[in-house]
């Protein structure tokens, strides 16, 4: 939580500050820290209205359970009291469990009436909404300022570890502490404390050891799943599983040297890599490269589904984008994979609500890519680059733009080798690969993988003990190549890539 920004917002008497976050305890501590001599009241669904701070003369006492006579009071009554009663002068009213109530027209109307009084100077009140869900009614949009909870910094994580370890009287060696601090990025203080306690409980007197890193990884997977915007993908594919695309693979290997030696690279004056845009026809290894790059860099792979960003409430989509970016930066170093980028930003510049939201999301993404100095490496893939806004391809957004075309003879040979050896390595030496390569001109990598799968399945169904060349030829005969299906479109895309001087991945 950016306490300085929160203090500024409260001092400016902004009518409603909407804090988006899960850690209510930490958020409430920050509110109590920055409110000075203002009274602080809290409304929540369980307890009603609660006095959270007693002010007697010059002494300020933070309290957790001063109930007075307002317990079990409704939200509606709390708003009315906050507007009318003199005992509520110079106050902050924190409203939890708020999201569902903002669909109630009467509640919204009461808040709007209070906001008008605040703006006119008739009411010295600030409302603070606290919720993990962002729901902004159109009627309150102009009165609301959004503040994200944010993630712990590396120093704050170190402090959290030290605080826990000191209470348990069980030291953690420096190397493990550094690994833990890096692994804990993106988790809240509550989640960190829970994992530390679990790690300690599992090992008893031995205290915390390297096993905790696996616990952290599991918890982080849960966090990302529950958040629902990003997906953490377990990577099995390596750079050696890619047939061809040698130029792109060599480029990624150079970036790996930087990412795997970030501190030395920065000291030497090397800037952090921003990412790469890989465009080209479907089924030719774009997604495989995204996965293989994470394996090569030895960092987590996060996938951003742009469709999940779109929310039903005003400002929710933009908040989801900010959260996705913040979460990826908190977990960094990581690879952030955005698949089919052209679909994500279709409709930019158009009229209507959804087009306007998409345009704003595109602006957020563009600004972040331009200014990004974190160790989030973006791998964006696109099938049709002609549908992408030209601003995205300007120098400074991505480090490089590659185009992937249908595999040539040597690449098809390598693709056959990879997929056959992966499934039937003992049969590979007896298969006439040259003949298969000749028969698959215009086939994509996905087409060739499909041929290999079909051939092996056919041999198994017949009860044969091995797979032979003819099995593959039969599978080729029954497969329509990508060039046969999309010949004209592929030709146009190829011309576009060459005109725009994109670098060939092969």
Protein backbone atom coordinates (compact mmCIF):
# COMPACT_ATOMS: atom_id res chain seq x y z
CA UNK A 1 0.00 0.00 0.00
CA UNK A 2 1.35 3.44 -0.99
CA UNK A 3 0.68 5.20 2.32
CA UNK A 4 1.97 8.57 1.10
CA UNK A 5 -0.48 8.59 -1.79
CA UNK A 6 -3.31 7.54 0.55
CA UNK A 7 -2.41 10.40 2.92
CA UNK A 8 -2.47 12.89 0.03
CA UNK A 9 -5.88 11.66 -1.13
CA UNK A 10 -7.33 11.97 2.38
CA UNK A 11 -5.79 15.43 2.92
CA UNK A 12 -7.30 16.53 -0.40
CA UNK A 13 -10.71 15.44 0.94
CA UNK A 14 -11.48 13.26 -2.08
CA UNK A 15 -15.05 11.99 -1.59
CA UNK A 16 -14.43 8.26 -2.16
CA UNK A 17 -11.13 6.38 -2.21
CA UNK A 18 -11.63 2.84 -3.55
CA UNK A 19 -8.83 0.53 -2.34
CA UNK A 20 -8.71 -2.70 -4.36
CA UNK A 21 -7.09 -5.44 -2.29
CA UNK A 22 -7.45 -8.59 -0.21
CA UNK A 23 -5.32 -7.91 2.87
CA UNK A 24 -7.87 -5.96 4.94
CA UNK A 25 -5.74 -6.05 8.10
CA UNK A 26 -2.75 -4.45 6.39
CA UNK A 27 -4.95 -1.92 4.56
CA UNK A 28 -6.63 -0.91 7.82
CA UNK A 29 -3.23 -0.46 9.49
CA UNK A 30 -2.22 1.89 6.67
CA UNK A 31 -5.45 3.88 7.01
CA UNK A 32 -4.95 4.28 10.76
CA UNK A 33 -1.32 5.30 10.18
CA UNK A 34 -2.09 8.15 7.77
CA UNK A 35 -5.35 9.63 9.11
CA UNK A 36 -3.69 11.85 11.71
CA UNK A 37 -6.27 13.39 14.06
CA UNK A 38 -9.26 12.35 11.95
CA UNK A 39 -11.76 9.98 13.49
CA UNK A 40 -11.94 6.62 11.77
CA UNK A 41 -15.13 4.57 11.60
CA UNK A 42 -15.47 1.21 9.90
CA UNK A 43 -18.63 -0.43 8.56
CA UNK A 44 -18.67 -4.11 7.76
CA UNK A 45 -21.47 -6.57 7.19
CA UNK A 46 -20.74 -8.59 10.33
CA UNK A 47 -20.40 -5.87 12.98
CA UNK A 48 -22.10 -2.83 11.53
CA UNK A 49 -20.48 0.49 12.39
CA UNK A 50 -17.32 0.31 14.54
CA UNK A 51 -15.24 3.14 16.02
CA UNK A 52 -11.64 2.26 15.05
CA UNK A 53 -9.83 5.21 16.66
CA UNK A 54 -10.36 7.09 19.92
CA UNK A 55 -9.05 10.66 20.07
CA UNK A 56 -8.73 12.20 23.55
CA UNK A 57 -7.10 15.63 23.58
CA UNK A 58 -3.66 15.17 22.02
CA UNK A 59 -3.52 11.42 22.61
CA UNK A 60 -4.42 9.15 19.69
CA UNK A 61 -5.15 5.54 20.52
CA UNK A 62 -5.65 2.93 17.76
CA UNK A 63 -8.34 0.46 18.77
CA UNK A 64 -9.67 -2.77 17.29
CA UNK A 65 -12.92 -3.34 19.17
CA UNK A 66 -14.47 -0.06 20.40
CA UNK A 67 -18.07 -0.88 19.51
CA UNK A 68 -19.99 1.93 21.30
CA UNK A 69 -23.70 1.94 20.39
CA UNK A 70 -23.45 1.39 16.63
CA UNK A 71 -22.96 -2.35 16.24
CA UNK A 72 -25.31 -4.09 13.80
CA UNK A 73 -26.25 -0.80 12.17
CA UNK A 74 -26.95 -1.04 8.41
CA UNK A 75 -24.83 0.51 5.68
CA UNK A 76 -27.71 2.77 4.71
CA UNK A 77 -28.02 4.08 8.27
CA UNK A 78 -24.25 4.50 8.51
CA UNK A 79 -24.16 6.75 5.44
CA UNK A 80 -27.02 8.86 6.81
CA UNK A 81 -25.31 9.18 10.20
CA UNK A 82 -22.02 10.04 8.52
CA UNK A 83 -23.72 12.90 6.71
CA UNK A 84 -25.86 14.22 9.56
CA UNK A 85 -24.40 13.59 13.01
CA UNK A 86 -22.01 16.13 14.54
CA UNK A 87 -20.10 13.32 16.27
CA UNK A 88 -18.90 12.34 12.83
CA UNK A 89 -17.15 15.66 12.03
CA UNK A 90 -13.68 15.41 10.47
CA UNK A 91 -13.95 11.72 9.83
CA UNK A 92 -12.97 8.84 7.63
CA UNK A 93 -15.58 6.14 7.10
CA UNK A 94 -14.09 2.86 5.90
CA UNK A 95 -16.65 0.65 4.17
CA UNK A 96 -15.82 -3.04 3.75
CA UNK A 97 -17.93 -5.70 1.98
CA UNK A 98 -18.97 -2.90 -0.38
CA UNK A 99 -19.02 -4.40 -3.90
CA UNK A 100 -22.44 -6.10 -3.73
CA UNK A 101 -24.10 -3.02 -2.18
CA UNK A 102 -23.10 -0.81 -5.11
CA UNK A 103 -25.75 -2.50 -7.23
CA UNK A 104 -28.39 -1.07 -4.85
CA UNK A 105 -29.75 2.18 -6.33
CA UNK A 106 -30.72 3.59 -2.90
CA UNK A 107 -27.21 3.03 -1.47
CA UNK A 108 -25.65 4.59 -4.56
CA UNK A 109 -28.00 7.59 -4.25
CA UNK A 110 -27.05 8.10 -0.59
CA UNK A 111 -23.35 8.00 -1.42
CA UNK A 112 -23.87 10.43 -4.30
CA UNK A 113 -25.70 12.86 -1.99
CA UNK A 114 -22.82 12.65 0.51
CA UNK A 115 -20.22 13.21 -2.26
CA UNK A 116 -22.03 16.37 -3.42
CA UNK A 117 -21.92 17.73 0.14
CA UNK A 118 -18.21 16.89 0.42
CA UNK A 119 -17.41 18.66 -2.86
CA UNK A 120 -19.43 21.72 -1.79
CA UNK A 121 -17.51 21.91 1.49
CA UNK A 122 -20.57 21.18 3.62
CA UNK A 123 -19.15 17.87 4.88
CA UNK A 124 -15.64 17.08 6.14
CA UNK A 125 -15.74 13.34 5.36
CA UNK A 126 -13.80 10.85 3.28
CA UNK A 127 -15.30 7.46 2.42
CA UNK A 128 -12.82 4.63 1.85
CA UNK A 129 -14.13 1.51 0.10
CA UNK A 130 -12.07 -1.66 0.69
CA UNK A 131 -12.76 -4.66 -1.54
CA UNK A 132 -10.93 -7.15 -3.78
CA UNK A 133 -13.71 -6.56 -6.34
CA UNK A 134 -13.92 -3.27 -8.23
CA UNK A 135 -17.52 -2.20 -8.84
CA UNK A 136 -18.00 1.44 -9.85
CA UNK A 137 -21.58 2.58 -10.54
CA UNK A 138 -21.82 5.14 -13.31
CA UNK A 139 -23.43 7.62 -10.89
CA UNK A 140 -20.35 7.58 -8.61
CA UNK A 141 -17.65 7.39 -11.28
CA UNK A 142 -16.60 11.06 -11.05
CA UNK A 143 -16.33 10.92 -7.24
CA UNK A 144 -14.18 7.77 -6.96
CA UNK A 145 -10.37 7.58 -6.93
CA UNK A 146 -8.89 4.08 -7.26
CA UNK A 147 -5.91 2.96 -5.20
CA UNK A 148 -4.41 -0.51 -5.64
CA UNK A 149 -3.23 -2.48 -2.60
CA UNK A 150 0.10 -3.21 -4.30
CA UNK A 151 2.65 -5.90 -3.49
CA UNK A 152 5.43 -6.10 -0.93
CA UNK A 153 8.85 -4.88 -2.00
CA UNK A 154 11.89 -7.14 -1.70
CA UNK A 155 13.03 -5.26 1.43
CA UNK A 156 9.58 -5.66 3.01
CA UNK A 157 9.68 -9.40 2.27
CA UNK A 158 13.13 -9.66 3.92
CA UNK A 159 11.73 -7.86 6.98
CA UNK A 160 8.79 -10.27 7.12
CA UNK A 161 11.10 -13.29 7.00
CA UNK A 162 13.42 -11.81 9.65
CA UNK A 163 10.47 -11.00 11.90
CA UNK A 164 9.14 -14.57 11.70
CA UNK A 165 12.54 -16.22 12.10
CA UNK A 166 13.37 -14.11 15.18
CA UNK A 167 10.16 -15.23 16.95
CA UNK A 168 10.95 -18.89 16.20
CA UNK A 169 14.61 -18.56 17.23
CA UNK A 170 15.63 -20.55 14.17
CA UNK A 171 18.04 -18.80 11.77
CA UNK A 172 17.84 -19.14 7.99
CA UNK A 173 21.11 -19.07 6.09
CA UNK A 174 21.67 -16.11 3.77
CA UNK A 175 21.48 -18.05 0.50
CA UNK A 176 18.10 -19.60 1.37
CA UNK A 177 16.74 -16.28 2.59
CA UNK A 178 17.55 -14.69 -0.78
CA UNK A 179 15.84 -17.56 -2.63
CA UNK A 180 12.81 -17.24 -0.34
CA UNK A 181 12.57 -13.47 -0.82
CA UNK A 182 12.65 -13.90 -4.59
CA UNK A 183 10.08 -16.72 -4.48
CA UNK A 184 7.74 -14.78 -2.16
CA UNK A 185 7.33 -11.92 -4.67
CA UNK A 186 3.66 -11.39 -5.49
CA UNK A 187 2.35 -12.80 -2.19
CA UNK A 188 0.73 -10.77 0.59
CA UNK A 189 2.11 -10.51 4.12
CA UNK A 190 -0.61 -12.88 5.39
CA UNK A 191 0.27 -15.48 2.74
CA UNK A 192 3.98 -15.16 3.53
CA UNK A 193 3.35 -15.63 7.27
CA UNK A 194 1.13 -18.66 6.59
CA UNK A 195 3.75 -20.36 4.40
CA UNK A 196 6.54 -19.65 6.90
CA UNK A 197 4.45 -21.14 9.70
CA UNK A 198 3.62 -24.19 7.58
CA UNK A 199 7.27 -24.66 6.61
CA UNK A 200 8.29 -24.46 10.25
CA UNK A 201 5.55 -26.88 11.36
CA UNK A 202 6.51 -29.45 8.73
CA UNK A 203 10.16 -29.54 9.78
CA UNK A 204 9.74 -29.22 13.55
CA UNK A 205 13.01 -28.60 15.36
CA UNK A 206 14.93 -28.50 12.07
CA UNK A 207 13.13 -25.27 11.24
CA UNK A 208 12.85 -23.87 7.71
CA UNK A 209 14.85 -25.51 4.92
CA UNK A 210 14.87 -25.67 1.10
CA UNK A 211 11.54 -27.57 1.09
CA UNK A 212 9.78 -24.26 1.71
CA UNK A 213 10.53 -23.17 -1.87
CA UNK A 214 8.14 -25.86 -3.12
CA UNK A 215 5.47 -24.65 -0.69
CA UNK A 216 5.90 -21.11 -1.98
CA UNK A 217 5.58 -22.31 -5.59
CA UNK A 218 2.35 -24.18 -4.78
CA UNK A 219 0.90 -21.15 -2.98
CA UNK A 220 1.82 -18.87 -5.85
CA UNK A 221 0.06 -21.22 -8.28
CA UNK A 222 -3.03 -21.02 -6.06
CA UNK A 223 -2.81 -17.22 -5.90
CA UNK A 224 -2.71 -16.86 -9.67
CA UNK A 225 -5.51 -19.38 -10.18
CA UNK A 226 -7.75 -17.59 -7.67
CA UNK A 227 -7.00 -14.20 -9.19
CA UNK A 228 -8.26 -15.53 -12.53
CA UNK A 229 -6.51 -12.98 -14.77
CA UNK A 230 -3.15 -14.65 -15.23
CA UNK A 231 -2.37 -18.33 -15.61
CA UNK A 232 0.89 -19.90 -14.46
CA UNK A 233 1.96 -22.61 -16.90
CA UNK A 234 4.19 -25.52 -16.00
CA UNK A 235 6.75 -25.73 -18.81
CA UNK A 236 8.10 -29.02 -20.16
CA UNK A 237 9.15 -27.88 -23.63
CA UNK A 238 12.73 -26.78 -24.22
CA UNK A 239 14.44 -24.91 -27.03
CA UNK A 240 15.57 -28.29 -28.40
CA UNK A 241 11.93 -29.25 -29.02
CA UNK A 242 11.69 -26.58 -31.72
CA UNK A 243 12.52 -27.65 -35.24
CA UNK A 244 14.17 -24.85 -37.19
CA UNK A 245 13.66 -21.15 -36.39
CA UNK A 246 17.39 -20.94 -35.68
CA UNK A 247 17.60 -17.14 -35.94
CA UNK A 248 14.91 -16.70 -33.30
CA UNK A 249 16.42 -19.39 -31.06
CA UNK A 250 19.89 -17.80 -31.26
CA UNK A 251 18.36 -14.42 -30.37
CA UNK A 252 16.58 -15.92 -27.34
CA UNK A 253 19.82 -17.57 -26.19
CA UNK A 254 21.53 -14.15 -26.18
CA UNK A 255 18.69 -12.71 -24.10
CA UNK A 256 18.99 -15.68 -21.73
CA UNK A 257 22.59 -14.66 -20.95
CA UNK A 258 21.32 -11.23 -19.90
CA UNK A 259 18.32 -12.46 -17.89
CA UNK A 260 20.33 -15.18 -16.14
CA UNK A 261 22.99 -12.62 -15.14
CA UNK A 262 20.82 -9.55 -14.51
CA UNK A 263 22.94 -7.85 -11.86
CA UNK A 264 26.18 -8.16 -13.87
CA UNK A 265 24.37 -7.08 -17.06
CA UNK A 266 22.96 -3.94 -15.40
CA UNK A 267 26.35 -3.07 -13.90
CA UNK A 268 27.84 -3.41 -17.38
CA UNK A 269 25.21 -0.98 -18.76
CA UNK A 270 22.94 -3.52 -20.46
CA UNK A 271 19.24 -2.60 -20.38
CA UNK A 272 16.69 -5.18 -19.29
CA UNK A 273 15.10 -6.94 -22.30
CA UNK A 274 11.51 -5.87 -22.91
CA UNK A 275 10.30 -8.80 -24.97
CA UNK A 276 9.59 -10.10 -28.44
CA UNK A 277 6.65 -10.15 -30.83
CA UNK A 278 6.44 -13.36 -32.89
CA UNK A 279 4.05 -13.22 -35.82
CA UNK A 280 3.22 -15.70 -38.52
CA UNK A 281 0.97 -18.45 -39.75
CA UNK A 282 -0.72 -20.76 -37.21
CA UNK A 283 0.94 -24.01 -36.18
CA UNK A 284 4.53 -22.98 -36.87
CA UNK A 285 5.98 -22.80 -33.37
CA UNK A 286 5.03 -19.39 -31.98
CA UNK A 287 3.45 -20.71 -28.79
CA UNK A 288 6.17 -23.33 -28.43
CA UNK A 289 8.75 -20.54 -28.47
CA UNK A 290 6.94 -18.72 -25.66
CA UNK A 291 7.09 -21.85 -23.49
CA UNK A 292 10.66 -22.72 -24.46
CA UNK A 293 11.88 -19.20 -23.67
CA UNK A 294 10.69 -19.54 -20.05
CA UNK A 295 12.52 -22.85 -19.79
CA UNK A 296 15.63 -21.31 -21.35
CA UNK A 297 15.56 -18.32 -18.99
CA UNK A 298 14.76 -20.63 -16.03
CA UNK A 299 11.92 -18.34 -14.84
CA UNK A 300 8.13 -18.79 -14.42
CA UNK A 301 5.78 -18.54 -17.42
CA UNK A 302 2.61 -16.49 -16.93
CA UNK A 303 -0.07 -16.39 -19.62
CA UNK A 304 -2.32 -13.35 -19.95
CA UNK A 305 -5.73 -14.05 -21.48
CA UNK A 306 -6.94 -10.63 -22.55
CA UNK A 307 -10.54 -11.89 -22.58
CA UNK A 308 -10.35 -12.36 -18.80
CA UNK A 309 -9.55 -8.69 -18.32
CA UNK A 310 -12.95 -7.55 -19.53
CA UNK A 311 -15.23 -6.79 -16.55
CA UNK A 312 -18.87 -5.80 -16.35
CA UNK A 313 -18.36 -2.76 -14.10
CA UNK A 314 -17.06 0.67 -15.01
CA UNK A 315 -13.27 0.73 -14.56
CA UNK A 316 -13.05 -2.98 -13.78
CA UNK A 317 -11.24 -3.90 -17.02
CA UNK A 318 -8.62 -1.20 -16.53
CA UNK A 319 -8.18 -2.29 -12.90
CA UNK A 320 -7.71 -5.90 -14.05
CA UNK A 321 -5.02 -4.77 -16.50
CA UNK A 322 -3.22 -2.84 -13.78
CA UNK A 323 -3.44 -5.85 -11.46
CA UNK A 324 -2.13 -8.23 -14.15
CA UNK A 325 0.83 -5.94 -14.81
CA UNK A 326 1.47 -5.42 -11.08
CA UNK A 327 1.28 -9.16 -10.36
CA UNK A 328 3.65 -10.03 -13.21
CA UNK A 329 6.11 -7.37 -12.01
CA UNK A 330 5.83 -8.61 -8.42
CA UNK A 331 6.59 -12.18 -9.51
CA UNK A 332 9.38 -11.06 -11.88
CA UNK A 333 11.68 -12.25 -13.25
CA UNK A 334 9.13 -14.05 -15.40
CA UNK A 335 7.96 -14.48 -18.98
CA UNK A 336 4.54 -12.93 -19.68
CA UNK A 337 2.98 -14.66 -22.69
CA UNK A 338 0.16 -12.90 -24.55
CA UNK A 339 -1.30 -15.20 -27.20
CA UNK A 340 -3.12 -14.00 -30.34
CA UNK A 341 -2.41 -10.35 -29.61
CA UNK A 342 -4.43 -9.17 -32.61
CA UNK A 343 -7.64 -10.54 -31.06
CA UNK A 344 -6.91 -8.86 -27.75
CA UNK A 345 -6.83 -5.38 -29.25
CA UNK A 346 -9.40 -5.71 -32.02
CA UNK A 347 -11.84 -2.81 -32.19
CA UNK A 348 -9.35 -0.13 -31.13
CA UNK A 349 -10.52 3.34 -32.05
CA UNK A 350 -14.10 2.21 -32.69
CA UNK A 351 -17.30 3.56 -31.21
CA UNK A 352 -19.27 2.00 -28.39
CA UNK A 353 -18.53 0.93 -24.84
CA UNK A 354 -16.47 -2.21 -25.50
CA UNK A 355 -14.35 -0.49 -28.17
CA UNK A 356 -13.61 2.41 -25.82
CA UNK A 357 -12.59 0.01 -23.05
CA UNK A 358 -10.33 -1.90 -25.46
CA UNK A 359 -8.73 1.37 -26.57
CA UNK A 360 -8.01 2.32 -22.96
CA UNK A 361 -6.55 -1.14 -22.24
CA UNK A 362 -4.35 -0.83 -25.32
CA UNK A 363 -3.14 2.56 -24.10
CA UNK A 364 -2.27 1.09 -20.69
CA UNK A 365 -0.38 -1.81 -22.26
CA UNK A 366 1.46 0.46 -24.70
CA UNK A 367 2.58 2.85 -21.96
CA UNK A 368 3.77 -0.02 -19.79
CA UNK A 369 5.76 -1.59 -22.63
CA UNK A 370 7.36 1.75 -23.45
CA UNK A 371 8.33 2.60 -19.86
CA UNK A 372 8.95 -0.93 -18.56
CA UNK A 373 12.24 -1.46 -16.76
CA UNK A 374 11.28 -4.55 -14.76
CA UNK A 375 12.47 -8.08 -15.48
CA UNK A 376 9.16 -9.13 -17.06
CA UNK A 377 9.98 -10.51 -20.51
CA UNK A 378 6.91 -10.23 -22.76
CA UNK A 379 6.41 -12.83 -25.48
CA UNK A 380 3.49 -11.75 -27.66
CA UNK A 381 2.29 -13.98 -30.48
CA UNK A 382 0.04 -13.04 -33.39
CA UNK A 383 -1.32 -14.83 -36.43
CA UNK A 384 -2.31 -11.77 -38.49
CA UNK A 385 -0.03 -8.81 -37.97
CA UNK A 386 -2.10 -6.67 -40.34
CA UNK A 387 -4.79 -6.43 -37.63
CA UNK A 388 -2.36 -5.02 -35.07
CA UNK A 389 -2.21 -1.23 -34.46
CA UNK A 390 0.96 0.29 -35.98
CA UNK A 391 1.84 1.95 -32.63
CA UNK A 392 2.52 -1.48 -31.18
CA UNK A 393 5.26 -2.18 -33.68
CA UNK A 394 7.13 1.07 -33.19
CA UNK A 395 10.71 0.75 -31.95
CA UNK A 396 10.86 0.72 -28.16
CA UNK A 397 7.83 -1.47 -27.52
CA UNK A 398 9.51 -4.82 -28.24
CA UNK A 399 13.21 -5.57 -28.57
CA UNK A 400 12.55 -7.38 -31.85
CA UNK A 401 9.73 -8.55 -34.12
CA UNK A 402 10.13 -11.92 -35.83
CA UNK A 403 7.94 -13.55 -38.43
CA UNK A 404 7.53 -17.30 -38.68
CA UNK A 405 6.77 -18.86 -42.04
CA UNK A 406 6.05 -22.40 -43.20
CA UNK A 407 9.05 -24.64 -42.47
CA UNK A 408 11.58 -25.22 -45.23
CA UNK A 409 13.04 -28.64 -46.07
CA UNK A 410 15.71 -28.66 -43.39
CA UNK A 411 13.21 -27.48 -40.76
CA UNK A 412 10.67 -30.13 -41.76
CA UNK A 413 13.41 -32.76 -41.44
CA UNK A 414 14.17 -31.54 -37.90
CA UNK A 415 10.48 -31.46 -36.95
CA UNK A 416 9.98 -35.05 -38.13
CA UNK A 417 13.08 -36.09 -36.19
CA UNK A 418 11.90 -34.44 -32.96
CA UNK A 419 8.38 -35.88 -33.03
CA UNK A 420 9.31 -39.39 -34.17
CA UNK A 421 12.15 -39.74 -31.67
CA UNK A 422 9.92 -38.45 -28.89
CA UNK A 423 7.42 -41.27 -29.55
CA UNK A 424 9.24 -44.10 -31.41
CA UNK A 425 12.98 -43.48 -31.22
CA UNK A 426 13.74 -47.17 -31.93
CA UNK A 427 12.02 -46.92 -35.36
CA UNK A 428 13.60 -43.62 -36.47
CA UNK A 429 16.71 -45.07 -38.19
CA UNK A 430 14.56 -47.22 -40.54
CA UNK A 431 12.28 -44.40 -41.71
CA UNK A 432 12.99 -42.61 -45.00
CA UNK A 433 12.87 -39.04 -43.71
CA UNK A 434 13.90 -37.60 -47.11
CA UNK A 435 10.76 -39.02 -48.69
CA UNK A 436 8.56 -37.56 -45.95
CA UNK A 437 10.20 -34.15 -46.30
CA UNK A 438 9.58 -34.14 -50.07
CA UNK A 439 5.90 -34.98 -49.57
CA UNK A 440 5.21 -32.30 -46.96
CA UNK A 441 6.00 -29.04 -48.77
CA UNK A 442 3.53 -26.42 -47.46
CA UNK A 443 2.89 -28.29 -44.19
CA UNK A 444 3.12 -26.44 -40.89
CA UNK A 445 4.90 -27.82 -37.83
CA UNK A 446 1.49 -28.68 -36.33
CA UNK A 447 0.54 -30.50 -39.56
CA UNK A 448 3.71 -32.61 -39.35
CA UNK A 449 3.12 -33.42 -35.68
CA UNK A 450 -0.41 -34.53 -36.63
CA UNK A 451 1.00 -36.77 -39.37
CA UNK A 452 3.39 -38.42 -36.89
CA UNK A 453 0.62 -38.99 -34.35
CA UNK A 454 -1.75 -40.47 -36.96
CA UNK A 455 0.91 -42.78 -38.39
CA UNK A 456 1.87 -44.18 -34.99
CA UNK A 457 -1.77 -44.63 -34.00
CA UNK A 458 -2.54 -46.51 -37.24
CA UNK A 459 0.39 -48.90 -36.71
CA UNK A 460 -0.74 -49.58 -33.13
CA UNK A 461 -4.37 -50.21 -34.15
CA UNK A 462 -3.23 -52.74 -36.77
CA UNK A 463 -1.15 -54.52 -34.13
CA UNK A 464 2.20 -53.84 -35.82
CA UNK A 465 5.35 -53.94 -33.73
CA UNK A 466 6.91 -50.90 -35.39
CA UNK A 467 6.08 -47.82 -37.47
CA UNK A 468 7.27 -47.74 -41.08
CA UNK A 469 7.72 -45.09 -43.76
CA UNK A 470 4.49 -46.09 -45.50
CA UNK A 471 2.49 -45.34 -42.35
CA UNK A 472 3.69 -41.76 -42.51
CA UNK A 473 3.06 -41.51 -46.26
CA UNK A 474 -0.52 -42.73 -45.74
CA UNK A 475 -1.03 -40.13 -43.01
CA UNK A 476 0.36 -37.41 -45.30
CA UNK A 477 -2.01 -38.48 -48.06
CA UNK A 478 -5.02 -37.97 -45.78
CA UNK A 479 -3.85 -34.60 -44.39
CA UNK A 480 -4.58 -31.25 -46.02
CA UNK A 481 -1.61 -28.93 -45.58
CA UNK A 482 -1.93 -25.43 -44.15
CA UNK A 483 -0.73 -23.99 -47.45
CA UNK A 484 -3.53 -25.85 -49.25
CA UNK A 485 -6.10 -24.42 -46.81
CA UNK A 486 -4.76 -20.87 -46.38
CA UNK A 487 -2.58 -20.40 -49.45
CA UNK A 488 -3.71 -16.88 -50.44
CA UNK A 489 -3.76 -15.56 -46.86
CA UNK A 490 -0.26 -16.91 -46.20
CA UNK A 491 1.04 -15.23 -49.35
CA UNK A 492 -0.40 -11.85 -48.30
CA UNK A 493 1.02 -12.16 -44.79
CA UNK A 494 4.44 -13.03 -46.20
CA UNK A 495 4.40 -9.88 -48.35
CA UNK A 496 3.42 -7.75 -45.34
CA UNK A 497 6.25 -9.10 -43.19
CA UNK A 498 8.81 -8.45 -45.91
CA UNK A 499 7.48 -4.93 -46.61
CA UNK A 500 7.67 -4.02 -42.92
CA UNK A 501 11.24 -5.38 -42.66
CA UNK A 502 10.46 -7.87 -39.93
CA UNK A 503 13.21 -10.34 -39.14
CA UNK A 504 12.71 -13.91 -40.30
CA UNK A 505 12.76 -16.46 -37.48
CA UNK A 506 14.43 -19.03 -39.74
